[in-house]
C-alpha atoms as a PDB file:
ATOM      1  CA  MET A   1     -78.329  37.722  46.267  1.00  0.00           C
ATOM      2  CA  ASP A   2     -77.616  37.768  42.543  1.00  0.00           C
ATOM      3  CA  ALA A   3     -78.467  34.469  40.844  1.00  0.00           C
ATOM      4  CA  ASP A   4     -75.053  34.213  39.159  1.00  0.00           C
ATOM      5  CA  ILE A   5     -73.262  34.662  42.473  1.00  0.00           C
ATOM      6  CA  LEU A   6     -75.476  32.064  44.113  1.00  0.00           C
ATOM      7  CA  ARG A   7     -74.753  29.578  41.332  1.00  0.00           C
ATOM      8  CA  LEU A   8     -71.002  30.256  41.693  1.00  0.00           C
ATOM      9  CA  VAL A   9     -71.141  29.667  45.452  1.00  0.00           C
ATOM     10  CA  LEU A  10     -73.046  26.408  44.961  1.00  0.00           C
ATOM     11  CA  PHE A  11     -70.597  25.326  42.258  1.00  0.00           C
ATOM     12  CA  LEU A  12     -67.559  25.978  44.497  1.00  0.00           C
ATOM     13  CA  ALA A  13     -69.213  24.171  47.393  1.00  0.00           C
ATOM     14  CA  GLY A  14     -69.839  21.168  45.145  1.00  0.00           C
ATOM     15  CA  VAL A  15     -66.215  21.142  43.977  1.00  0.00           C
ATOM     16  CA  GLY A  16     -65.018  21.276  47.574  1.00  0.00           C
ATOM     17  CA  LEU A  17     -67.272  18.380  48.516  1.00  0.00           C
ATOM     18  CA  ILE A  18     -66.041  16.278  45.582  1.00  0.00           C
ATOM     19  CA  LEU A  19     -62.386  16.979  46.449  1.00  0.00           C
ATOM     20  CA  GLY A  20     -63.025  16.074  50.077  1.00  0.00           C
ATOM     21  CA  ILE A  21     -64.578  12.760  49.080  1.00  0.00           C
ATOM     22  CA  TYR A  22     -61.713  12.068  46.677  1.00  0.00           C
ATOM     23  CA  PHE A  23     -58.927  12.659  49.239  1.00  0.00           C
ATOM     24  CA  TRP A  24     -60.772  10.729  51.953  1.00  0.00           C
ATOM     25  CA  ASP A  25     -61.157   7.743  49.623  1.00  0.00           C
ATOM     26  CA  ARG A  26     -57.497   7.995  48.571  1.00  0.00           C
ATOM     27  CA  HIS A  27     -56.372   8.037  52.199  1.00  0.00           C
ATOM     28  CA  LYS A  28     -58.554   5.010  52.930  1.00  0.00           C
ATOM     29  CA  ARG A  29     -57.086   3.060  49.993  1.00  0.00           C
ATOM     30  CA  ILE A  30     -53.527   3.854  51.117  1.00  0.00           C
ATOM     31  CA  ASN A  31     -54.287   2.544  54.604  1.00  0.00           C
ATOM     32  CA  VAL A  32     -55.764  -0.626  53.115  1.00  0.00           C
ATOM     33  CA  ARG A  33     -52.632  -1.129  51.010  1.00  0.00           C
ATOM     34  CA  VAL A  34     -50.313  -0.600  53.995  1.00  0.00           C
ATOM     35  CA  ASN A  35     -52.317  -3.061  56.097  1.00  0.00           C
ATOM     36  CA  ALA A  36     -52.168  -5.603  53.274  1.00  0.00           C
ATOM     37  CA  ILE A  37     -48.375  -5.273  53.062  1.00  0.00           C
ATOM     38  CA  HIS A  38     -47.999  -5.763  56.819  1.00  0.00           C
ATOM     39  CA  LYS A  39     -50.354  -8.753  56.739  1.00  0.00           C
ATOM     40  CA  ALA A  40     -48.430 -10.377  53.879  1.00  0.00           C
ATOM     41  CA  GLU A  41     -45.163  -9.838  55.718  1.00  0.00           C
ATOM     42  CA  ARG A  42     -46.540 -11.436  58.875  1.00  0.00           C
ATOM     43  CA  GLU A  43     -47.880 -14.434  56.939  1.00  0.00           C
ATOM     44  CA  ARG A  44     -44.543 -14.881  55.172  1.00  0.00           C
ATOM     45  CA  ARG A  45     -42.677 -14.859  58.469  1.00  0.00           C
ATOM     46  CA  GLN A  46     -45.127 -17.243  60.106  1.00  0.00           C
ATOM     47  CA  SER A  47     -44.782 -19.708  57.227  1.00  0.00           C
ATOM     48  CA  ALA A  48     -40.981 -19.424  57.408  1.00  0.00           C
ATOM     49  CA  GLN A  49     -40.867 -19.978  61.179  1.00  0.00           C
ATOM     50  CA  PRO A  50     -40.218 -23.770  60.981  1.00  0.00           C
ATOM     51  CA  GLU A  51     -37.353 -23.141  58.574  1.00  0.00           C
ATOM     52  CA  ARG A  52     -35.797 -20.583  60.897  1.00  0.00           C
ATOM     53  CA  SER A  53     -36.100 -22.984  63.806  1.00  0.00           C
ATOM     54  CA  LYS A  54     -34.120 -25.613  61.868  1.00  0.00           C
ATOM     55  CA  LYS A  55     -31.418 -23.108  61.049  1.00  0.00           C
ATOM     56  CA  ARG A  56     -31.007 -22.177  64.688  1.00  0.00           C
ATOM     57  CA  GLU A  57     -30.167 -25.787  65.508  1.00  0.00           C
ATOM     58  CA  VAL A  58     -27.167 -25.619  63.172  1.00  0.00           C
ATOM     59  CA  ARG A  59     -26.063 -22.045  63.705  1.00  0.00           C
ATOM     60  CA  GLN A  60     -27.370 -19.299  65.917  1.00  0.00           C
ATOM     61  CA  GLU A  61     -28.596 -16.391  63.871  1.00  0.00           C
ATOM     62  CA  PRO A  62     -29.756 -12.945  65.023  1.00  0.00           C
ATOM     63  CA  VAL A  63     -33.546 -12.587  65.154  1.00  0.00           C
ATOM     64  CA  TRP A  64     -35.007  -9.322  63.904  1.00  0.00           C
ATOM     65  CA  ASP A  65     -38.684  -9.869  64.629  1.00  0.00           C
ATOM     66  CA  THR A  66     -40.904  -7.487  62.607  1.00  0.00           C
ATOM     67  CA  ASP A  67     -44.188  -9.147  63.555  1.00  0.00           C
ATOM     68  CA  ALA A  68     -46.467  -6.365  64.780  1.00  0.00           C
ATOM     69  CA  ASP A  69     -48.623  -8.846  66.715  1.00  0.00           C
ATOM     70  CA  ALA A  70     -45.736 -10.103  68.919  1.00  0.00           C
ATOM     71  CA  ASP A  71     -45.592  -9.083  72.517  1.00  0.00           C
ATOM     72  CA  GLY A  72     -44.180  -5.541  72.525  1.00  0.00           C
ATOM     73  CA  ASP A  73     -42.036  -5.733  75.647  1.00  0.00           C
ATOM     74  CA  GLU A  74     -40.493  -9.107  74.772  1.00  0.00           C
ATOM     75  CA  GLU A  75     -39.751  -8.018  71.190  1.00  0.00           C
ATOM     76  CA  GLN A  76     -38.052  -4.826  72.346  1.00  0.00           C
ATOM     77  CA  ASP A  77     -35.900  -6.665  74.890  1.00  0.00           C
ATOM     78  CA  ASP A  78     -34.679  -9.075  72.180  1.00  0.00           C
ATOM     79  CA  LEU A  79     -33.996  -6.214  69.751  1.00  0.00           C
ATOM     80  CA  SER A  80     -32.109  -4.204  72.357  1.00  0.00           C
ATOM     81  CA  GLU A  81     -29.988  -7.192  73.394  1.00  0.00           C
ATOM     82  CA  SER A  82     -29.032  -7.959  69.772  1.00  0.00           C
ATOM     83  CA  LEU A  83     -27.987  -4.392  68.994  1.00  0.00           C
ATOM     84  CA  ARG A  84     -25.788  -4.284  72.084  1.00  0.00           C
ATOM     85  CA  GLU A  85     -24.078  -7.515  71.094  1.00  0.00           C
ATOM     86  CA  LEU A  86     -23.641  -6.318  67.512  1.00  0.00           C
ATOM     87  CA  GLY A  87     -21.968  -3.154  68.768  1.00  0.00           C
ATOM     88  CA  GLU A  88     -19.687  -5.158  71.038  1.00  0.00           C
ATOM     89  CA  ILE A  89     -18.614  -7.441  68.196  1.00  0.00           C
ATOM     90  CA  VAL A  90     -17.715  -4.477  65.980  1.00  0.00           C
ATOM     91  CA  GLU A  91     -15.950  -2.759  68.883  1.00  0.00           C
ATOM     92  CA  GLN A  92     -13.965  -5.888  69.736  1.00  0.00           C
ATOM     93  CA  LYS A  93     -12.925  -6.345  66.121  1.00  0.00           C
ATOM     94  CA  ILE A  94     -11.487  -2.838  66.029  1.00  0.00           C
ATOM     95  CA  ALA A  95      -9.801  -3.336  69.419  1.00  0.00           C
ATOM     96  CA  ASP A  96      -8.073  -6.436  68.033  1.00  0.00           C
ATOM     97  CA  ASN A  97      -6.651  -4.323  65.168  1.00  0.00           C
ATOM     98  CA  TYR A  98      -8.533  -6.377  62.612  1.00  0.00           C
ATOM     99  CA  VAL A  99      -6.894  -9.689  63.433  1.00  0.00           C
ATOM    100  CA  SER A 100      -6.903 -12.011  60.438  1.00  0.00           C
ATOM    101  CA  GLY A 101      -9.578 -14.668  60.257  1.00  0.00           C
ATOM    102  CA  PRO A 102     -13.367 -14.606  59.857  1.00  0.00           C
ATOM    103  CA  LEU A 103     -15.484 -12.895  62.514  1.00  0.00           C
ATOM    104  CA  GLU A 104     -17.953 -15.381  63.945  1.00  0.00           C
ATOM    105  CA  GLN A 105     -21.512 -14.058  63.848  1.00  0.00           C
ATOM    106  CA  THR A 106     -23.119 -15.062  67.120  1.00  0.00           C
ATOM    107  CA  ALA A 107     -26.721 -14.602  68.115  1.00  0.00           C
ATOM    108  CA  PHE A 108     -27.307 -10.941  68.883  1.00  0.00           C
ATOM    109  CA  GLU A 109     -28.534  -9.886  72.309  1.00  0.00           C
ATOM    110  CA  PHE A 110     -30.299  -6.545  72.253  1.00  0.00           C
ATOM    111  CA  SER A 111     -30.225  -4.470  75.434  1.00  0.00           C
ATOM    112  CA  HIS A 112     -30.620  -0.726  75.920  1.00  0.00           C
ATOM    113  CA  THR A 113     -28.602  -0.839  79.131  1.00  0.00           C
ATOM    114  CA  ARG A 114     -26.088  -3.342  80.362  1.00  0.00           C
ATOM    115  CA  SER A 115     -23.018  -3.354  82.617  1.00  0.00           C
ATOM    116  CA  THR A 116     -19.630  -4.761  81.639  1.00  0.00           C
ATOM    117  CA  THR A 117     -16.555  -5.503  83.736  1.00  0.00           C
ATOM    118  CA  SER A 118     -12.957  -4.995  82.657  1.00  0.00           C
ATOM    119  CA  LYS A 119     -10.970  -8.246  82.212  1.00  0.00           C
ATOM    120  CA  SER A 120      -7.530  -6.782  81.476  1.00  0.00           C
ATOM    121  CA  ALA A 121      -5.963  -8.238  84.642  1.00  0.00           C
ATOM    122  CA  THR A 122      -6.316 -11.373  86.735  1.00  0.00           C
ATOM    123  CA  PRO A 123      -8.283 -11.283  90.010  1.00  0.00           C
ATOM    124  CA  ARG A 124      -5.002 -11.215  91.979  1.00  0.00           C
ATOM    125  CA  GLU A 125      -3.696  -8.228  90.049  1.00  0.00           C
ATOM    126  CA  GLN A 126      -6.671  -5.940  90.414  1.00  0.00           C
ATOM    127  CA  ARG A 127      -9.424  -4.952  92.752  1.00  0.00           C
ATOM    128  CA  PRO A 128     -13.048  -5.462  91.545  1.00  0.00           C
ATOM    129  CA  ALA A 129     -13.408  -3.435  88.336  1.00  0.00           C
ATOM    130  CA  ALA A 130     -16.005  -0.708  87.986  1.00  0.00           C
ATOM    131  CA  ARG A 131     -19.125  -1.808  86.171  1.00  0.00           C
ATOM    132  CA  ILE A 132     -19.579   0.538  83.200  1.00  0.00           C
ATOM    133  CA  PRO A 133     -23.233   0.701  82.094  1.00  0.00           C
ATOM    134  CA  GLN A 134     -23.830   0.379  78.369  1.00  0.00           C
ATOM    135  CA  LYS A 135     -26.808   1.713  76.452  1.00  0.00           C
ATOM    136  CA  ILE A 136     -28.140   1.228  72.938  1.00  0.00           C
ATOM    137  CA  VAL A 137     -29.680   4.238  71.213  1.00  0.00           C
ATOM    138  CA  GLN A 138     -31.850   3.272  68.256  1.00  0.00           C
ATOM    139  CA  LEU A 139     -33.878   5.032  65.543  1.00  0.00           C
ATOM    140  CA  ASN A 140     -35.897   3.253  62.848  1.00  0.00           C
ATOM    141  CA  ILE A 141     -36.619   4.330  59.280  1.00  0.00           C
ATOM    142  CA  MET A 142     -39.615   2.498  57.796  1.00  0.00           C
ATOM    143  CA  ALA A 143     -40.945   2.541  54.218  1.00  0.00           C
ATOM    144  CA  ARG A 144     -44.250   4.394  53.887  1.00  0.00           C
ATOM    145  CA  ASN A 145     -45.866   2.056  51.360  1.00  0.00           C
ATOM    146  CA  GLU A 146     -43.432  -0.077  49.379  1.00  0.00           C
ATOM    147  CA  ALA A 147     -40.152  -1.634  50.491  1.00  0.00           C
ATOM    148  CA  ILE A 148     -36.891   0.322  50.337  1.00  0.00           C
ATOM    149  CA  GLY A 149     -34.730  -0.764  47.404  1.00  0.00           C
ATOM    150  CA  GLY A 150     -31.042  -1.600  47.621  1.00  0.00           C
ATOM    151  CA  ASP A 151     -29.978   0.978  45.017  1.00  0.00           C
ATOM    152  CA  ALA A 152     -31.742   3.754  46.936  1.00  0.00           C
ATOM    153  CA  LEU A 153     -30.064   2.596  50.135  1.00  0.00           C
ATOM    154  CA  MET A 154     -26.624   2.679  48.508  1.00  0.00           C
ATOM    155  CA  ARG A 155     -27.163   6.237  47.262  1.00  0.00           C
ATOM    156  CA  ALA A 156     -28.358   7.328  50.684  1.00  0.00           C
ATOM    157  CA  ALA A 157     -25.406   5.601  52.386  1.00  0.00           C
ATOM    158  CA  ARG A 158     -22.944   7.497  50.198  1.00  0.00           C
ATOM    159  CA  ASP A 159     -24.745  10.773  50.922  1.00  0.00           C
ATOM    160  CA  LEU A 160     -24.518  10.147  54.687  1.00  0.00           C
ATOM    161  CA  GLN A 161     -20.906   8.854  54.559  1.00  0.00           C
ATOM    162  CA  LEU A 162     -21.916   5.411  55.759  1.00  0.00           C
ATOM    163  CA  GLU A 163     -19.245   2.826  54.975  1.00  0.00           C
ATOM    164  CA  PHE A 164     -19.915  -0.871  54.420  1.00  0.00           C
ATOM    165  CA  GLY A 165     -17.861  -2.890  56.874  1.00  0.00           C
ATOM    166  CA  GLU A 166     -17.885  -5.282  59.817  1.00  0.00           C
ATOM    167  CA  MET A 167     -20.859  -7.646  60.170  1.00  0.00           C
ATOM    168  CA  GLN A 168     -21.910  -6.752  56.580  1.00  0.00           C
ATOM    169  CA  ILE A 169     -23.681  -3.580  57.713  1.00  0.00           C
ATOM    170  CA  PHE A 170     -22.942   0.138  57.287  1.00  0.00           C
ATOM    171  CA  HIS A 171     -21.060   2.309  59.780  1.00  0.00           C
ATOM    172  CA  HIS A 172     -20.523   6.036  60.278  1.00  0.00           C
ATOM    173  CA  TYR A 173     -17.025   6.532  61.647  1.00  0.00           C
ATOM    174  CA  ALA A 174     -15.530   9.182  63.910  1.00  0.00           C
ATOM    175  CA  GLU A 175     -11.889  10.027  64.465  1.00  0.00           C
ATOM    176  CA  HIS A 176     -11.156   9.808  68.178  1.00  0.00           C
ATOM    177  CA  ALA A 177      -7.790   9.722  69.923  1.00  0.00           C
ATOM    178  CA  GLY A 178      -6.109   8.836  66.638  1.00  0.00           C
ATOM    179  CA  GLN A 179      -8.443   5.890  66.007  1.00  0.00           C
ATOM    180  CA  HIS A 180     -11.091   5.330  63.334  1.00  0.00           C
ATOM    181  CA  GLU A 181     -14.063   4.142  65.400  1.00  0.00           C
ATOM    182  CA  PRO A 182     -17.731   3.575  64.464  1.00  0.00           C
ATOM    183  CA  LEU A 183     -19.973   6.295  65.885  1.00  0.00           C
ATOM    184  CA  PHE A 184     -23.213   4.613  64.821  1.00  0.00           C
ATOM    185  CA  SER A 185     -24.288   1.879  62.402  1.00  0.00           C
ATOM    186  CA  MET A 186     -27.108   1.009  59.998  1.00  0.00           C
ATOM    187  CA  ALA A 187     -28.642  -2.473  59.735  1.00  0.00           C
ATOM    188  CA  SER A 188     -31.682  -3.914  57.984  1.00  0.00           C
ATOM    189  CA  LEU A 189     -34.814  -4.613  60.034  1.00  0.00           C
ATOM    190  CA  VAL A 190     -35.099  -8.022  58.343  1.00  0.00           C
ATOM    191  CA  GLU A 191     -33.019 -10.835  59.813  1.00  0.00           C
ATOM    192  CA  PRO A 192     -30.131 -11.292  59.882  1.00  0.00           C
ATOM    193  CA  GLY A 193     -29.832  -7.505  59.490  1.00  0.00           C
ATOM    194  CA  THR A 194     -27.049  -7.646  56.884  1.00  0.00           C
ATOM    195  CA  PHE A 195     -26.818  -6.149  53.405  1.00  0.00           C
ATOM    196  CA  PRO A 196     -25.677  -8.158  50.326  1.00  0.00           C
ATOM    197  CA  LEU A 197     -23.202  -5.633  48.903  1.00  0.00           C
ATOM    198  CA  ASP A 198     -22.740  -7.568  45.642  1.00  0.00           C
ATOM    199  CA  ALA A 199     -26.497  -7.884  45.034  1.00  0.00           C
ATOM    200  CA  MET A 200     -27.943  -4.604  46.281  1.00  0.00           C
ATOM    201  CA  ALA A 201     -29.828  -4.065  43.002  1.00  0.00           C
ATOM    202  CA  GLU A 202     -32.086  -7.017  43.876  1.00  0.00           C
ATOM    203  CA  PHE A 203     -32.208  -6.301  47.607  1.00  0.00           C
ATOM    204  CA  SER A 204     -35.142  -4.657  49.389  1.00  0.00           C
ATOM    205  CA  THR A 205     -36.216  -4.202  52.996  1.00  0.00           C
ATOM    206  CA  PRO A 206     -39.240  -2.719  54.781  1.00  0.00           C
ATOM    207  CA  GLY A 207     -36.925  -0.565  56.859  1.00  0.00           C
ATOM    208  CA  VAL A 208     -33.533   0.012  58.443  1.00  0.00           C
ATOM    209  CA  THR A 209     -32.347   0.887  61.929  1.00  0.00           C
ATOM    210  CA  LEU A 210     -29.633   3.308  62.994  1.00  0.00           C
ATOM    211  CA  PHE A 211     -28.090   2.430  66.337  1.00  0.00           C
ATOM    212  CA  ALA A 212     -25.222   3.536  68.543  1.00  0.00           C
ATOM    213  CA  GLN A 213     -23.690   1.873  71.561  1.00  0.00           C
ATOM    214  CA  LEU A 214     -22.869   4.161  74.484  1.00  0.00           C
ATOM    215  CA  PRO A 215     -20.408   5.021  75.803  1.00  0.00           C
ATOM    216  CA  GLY A 216     -18.698   5.543  72.457  1.00  0.00           C
ATOM    217  CA  PRO A 217     -15.919   7.631  70.934  1.00  0.00           C
ATOM    218  CA  LEU A 218     -17.865  10.887  71.512  1.00  0.00           C
ATOM    219  CA  GLU A 219     -20.146  12.178  74.248  1.00  0.00           C
ATOM    220  CA  GLY A 220     -23.523  10.449  74.312  1.00  0.00           C
ATOM    221  CA  VAL A 221     -25.666  13.496  73.483  1.00  0.00           C
ATOM    222  CA  GLU A 222     -23.361  14.510  70.619  1.00  0.00           C
ATOM    223  CA  THR A 223     -23.499  10.973  69.227  1.00  0.00           C
ATOM    224  CA  PHE A 224     -27.307  10.997  69.423  1.00  0.00           C
ATOM    225  CA  ASP A 225     -27.581  14.408  67.734  1.00  0.00           C
ATOM    226  CA  ARG A 226     -25.364  13.269  64.854  1.00  0.00           C
ATOM    227  CA  MET A 227     -27.319  10.057  64.461  1.00  0.00           C
ATOM    228  CA  LEU A 228     -30.636  11.939  64.599  1.00  0.00           C
ATOM    229  CA  THR A 229     -29.474  14.330  61.860  1.00  0.00           C
ATOM    230  CA  SER A 230     -28.472  11.372  59.685  1.00  0.00           C
ATOM    231  CA  ALA A 231     -31.752   9.563  60.412  1.00  0.00           C
ATOM    232  CA  ARG A 232     -33.784  12.606  59.350  1.00  0.00           C
ATOM    233  CA  ARG A 233     -31.739  12.943  56.174  1.00  0.00           C
ATOM    234  CA  LEU A 234     -32.070   9.221  55.468  1.00  0.00           C
ATOM    235  CA  ALA A 235     -35.854   9.327  55.913  1.00  0.00           C
ATOM    236  CA  ALA A 236     -36.066  12.269  53.505  1.00  0.00           C
ATOM    237  CA  LEU A 237     -33.880  10.582  50.871  1.00  0.00           C
ATOM    238  CA  LEU A 238     -35.870   7.346  51.048  1.00  0.00           C
ATOM    239  CA  ASP A 239     -39.308   8.990  51.403  1.00  0.00           C
ATOM    240  CA  ALA A 240     -39.720   6.967  54.603  1.00  0.00           C
ATOM    241  CA  GLU A 241     -40.974   7.510  58.149  1.00  0.00           C
ATOM    242  CA  LEU A 242     -38.668   8.256  61.066  1.00  0.00           C
ATOM    243  CA  LEU A 243     -39.695   6.219  64.148  1.00  0.00           C
ATOM    244  CA  ASP A 244     -38.342   5.604  67.630  1.00  0.00           C
ATOM    245  CA  HIS A 245     -37.120   2.234  68.948  1.00  0.00           C
ATOM    246  CA  THR A 246     -40.732   1.152  69.621  1.00  0.00           C
ATOM    247  CA  ARG A 247     -41.625   2.019  65.992  1.00  0.00           C
ATOM    248  CA  SER A 248     -43.810   4.917  67.078  1.00  0.00           C
ATOM    249  CA  VAL A 249     -43.634   8.315  65.384  1.00  0.00           C
ATOM    250  CA  LEU A 250     -40.580  10.194  66.639  1.00  0.00           C
ATOM    251  CA  SER A 251     -42.045  13.299  68.271  1.00  0.00           C
ATOM    252  CA  ARG A 252     -40.193  16.292  69.697  1.00  0.00           C
ATOM    253  CA  GLN A 253     -41.165  15.137  73.178  1.00  0.00           C
ATOM    254  CA  THR A 254     -39.663  11.685  72.522  1.00  0.00           C
ATOM    255  CA  ILE A 255     -36.424  13.261  71.291  1.00  0.00           C
ATOM    256  CA  GLU A 256     -36.088  15.353  74.443  1.00  0.00           C
ATOM    257  CA  HIS A 257     -36.834  12.321  76.598  1.00  0.00           C
ATOM    258  CA  MET A 258     -34.111  10.331  74.791  1.00  0.00           C
ATOM    259  CA  ARG A 259     -31.622  13.165  75.320  1.00  0.00           C
ATOM    260  CA  GLU A 260     -32.411  13.197  79.038  1.00  0.00           C
ATOM    261  CA  GLU A 261     -31.896   9.425  79.278  1.00  0.00           C
ATOM    262  CA  ILE A 262     -28.578   9.692  77.435  1.00  0.00           C
ATOM    263  CA  SER A 263     -27.387  12.514  79.707  1.00  0.00           C
ATOM    264  CA  GLU A 264     -28.248  10.445  82.779  1.00  0.00           C
ATOM    265  CA  HIS A 265     -26.458   7.430  81.298  1.00  0.00           C
ATOM    266  CA  SER A 266     -23.343   9.550  80.663  1.00  0.00           C
ATOM    267  CA  ARG A 267     -23.429  10.708  84.278  1.00  0.00           C
ATOM    268  CA  LEU A 268     -23.637   7.126  85.565  1.00  0.00           C
ATOM    269  CA  ALA A 269     -20.837   5.992  83.235  1.00  0.00           C
ATOM    270  CA  LYS A 270     -18.597   8.803  84.499  1.00  0.00           C
ATOM    271  CA  ILE A 271     -19.286   7.833  88.109  1.00  0.00           C
ATOM    272  CA  ALA A 272     -18.499   4.186  87.297  1.00  0.00           C
ATOM    273  CA  ARG A 273     -15.174   5.144  85.681  1.00  0.00           C
ATOM    274  CA  ASN A 274     -14.105   7.244  88.648  1.00  0.00           C
ATOM    275  CA  SER A 275     -15.092   4.674  91.260  1.00  0.00           C
END
């Protein structure tokens, strides 16, 4: 082999090796930075735990636990219960035609499925009402490295036609049967989940959650598809990661599994209505 060619091959191999070492080291530093951010967040929440406990004695506040070391099943049950309750509060407010007076913010109960019973008539006036199962569908958008700023969130909300409204969170509305009803909503992952509209320039959060309560104004699968499209767009606008309700990467398999669960829920809700 010609000496010049051999030197060129060795030179290119050396460059490749150097680039490989550089990108590996860069990836390692990014992981270290992410771990440091999560650790700082956990320490901040642990130090603030006594203060939160005192506040609960005066007024019940929703708990949005972002501690990665908490028990996974218990954390998800609490989150699901709170989202369900949040959806019910918004739904009830609309059903009451926005009756004057402040809306009391009770402790959220998160639940992915729950049954409710109609109370429109007294026990003497009706037979036992059908129990309509309810389900919360949730997608999370988490910052990759740094927190998501309030200004960026406001720009993204306008792009996705999310309106600031009830419970001090954002809602995406759908016109259904002549009514303006929330199809899905966006809340912060940091308690109490609200957004300070008058101080968004100073606001930041490690992530947000999009959630919908089923049954809703549209079919369950259509609601999920619209929310998924918005979640993907939101993640792109904020340079963030799109995760499922367990904060795992949202894979194609997970999406199909969620669609199947929603279809089954719609079937059960239809049976309950017709019973």
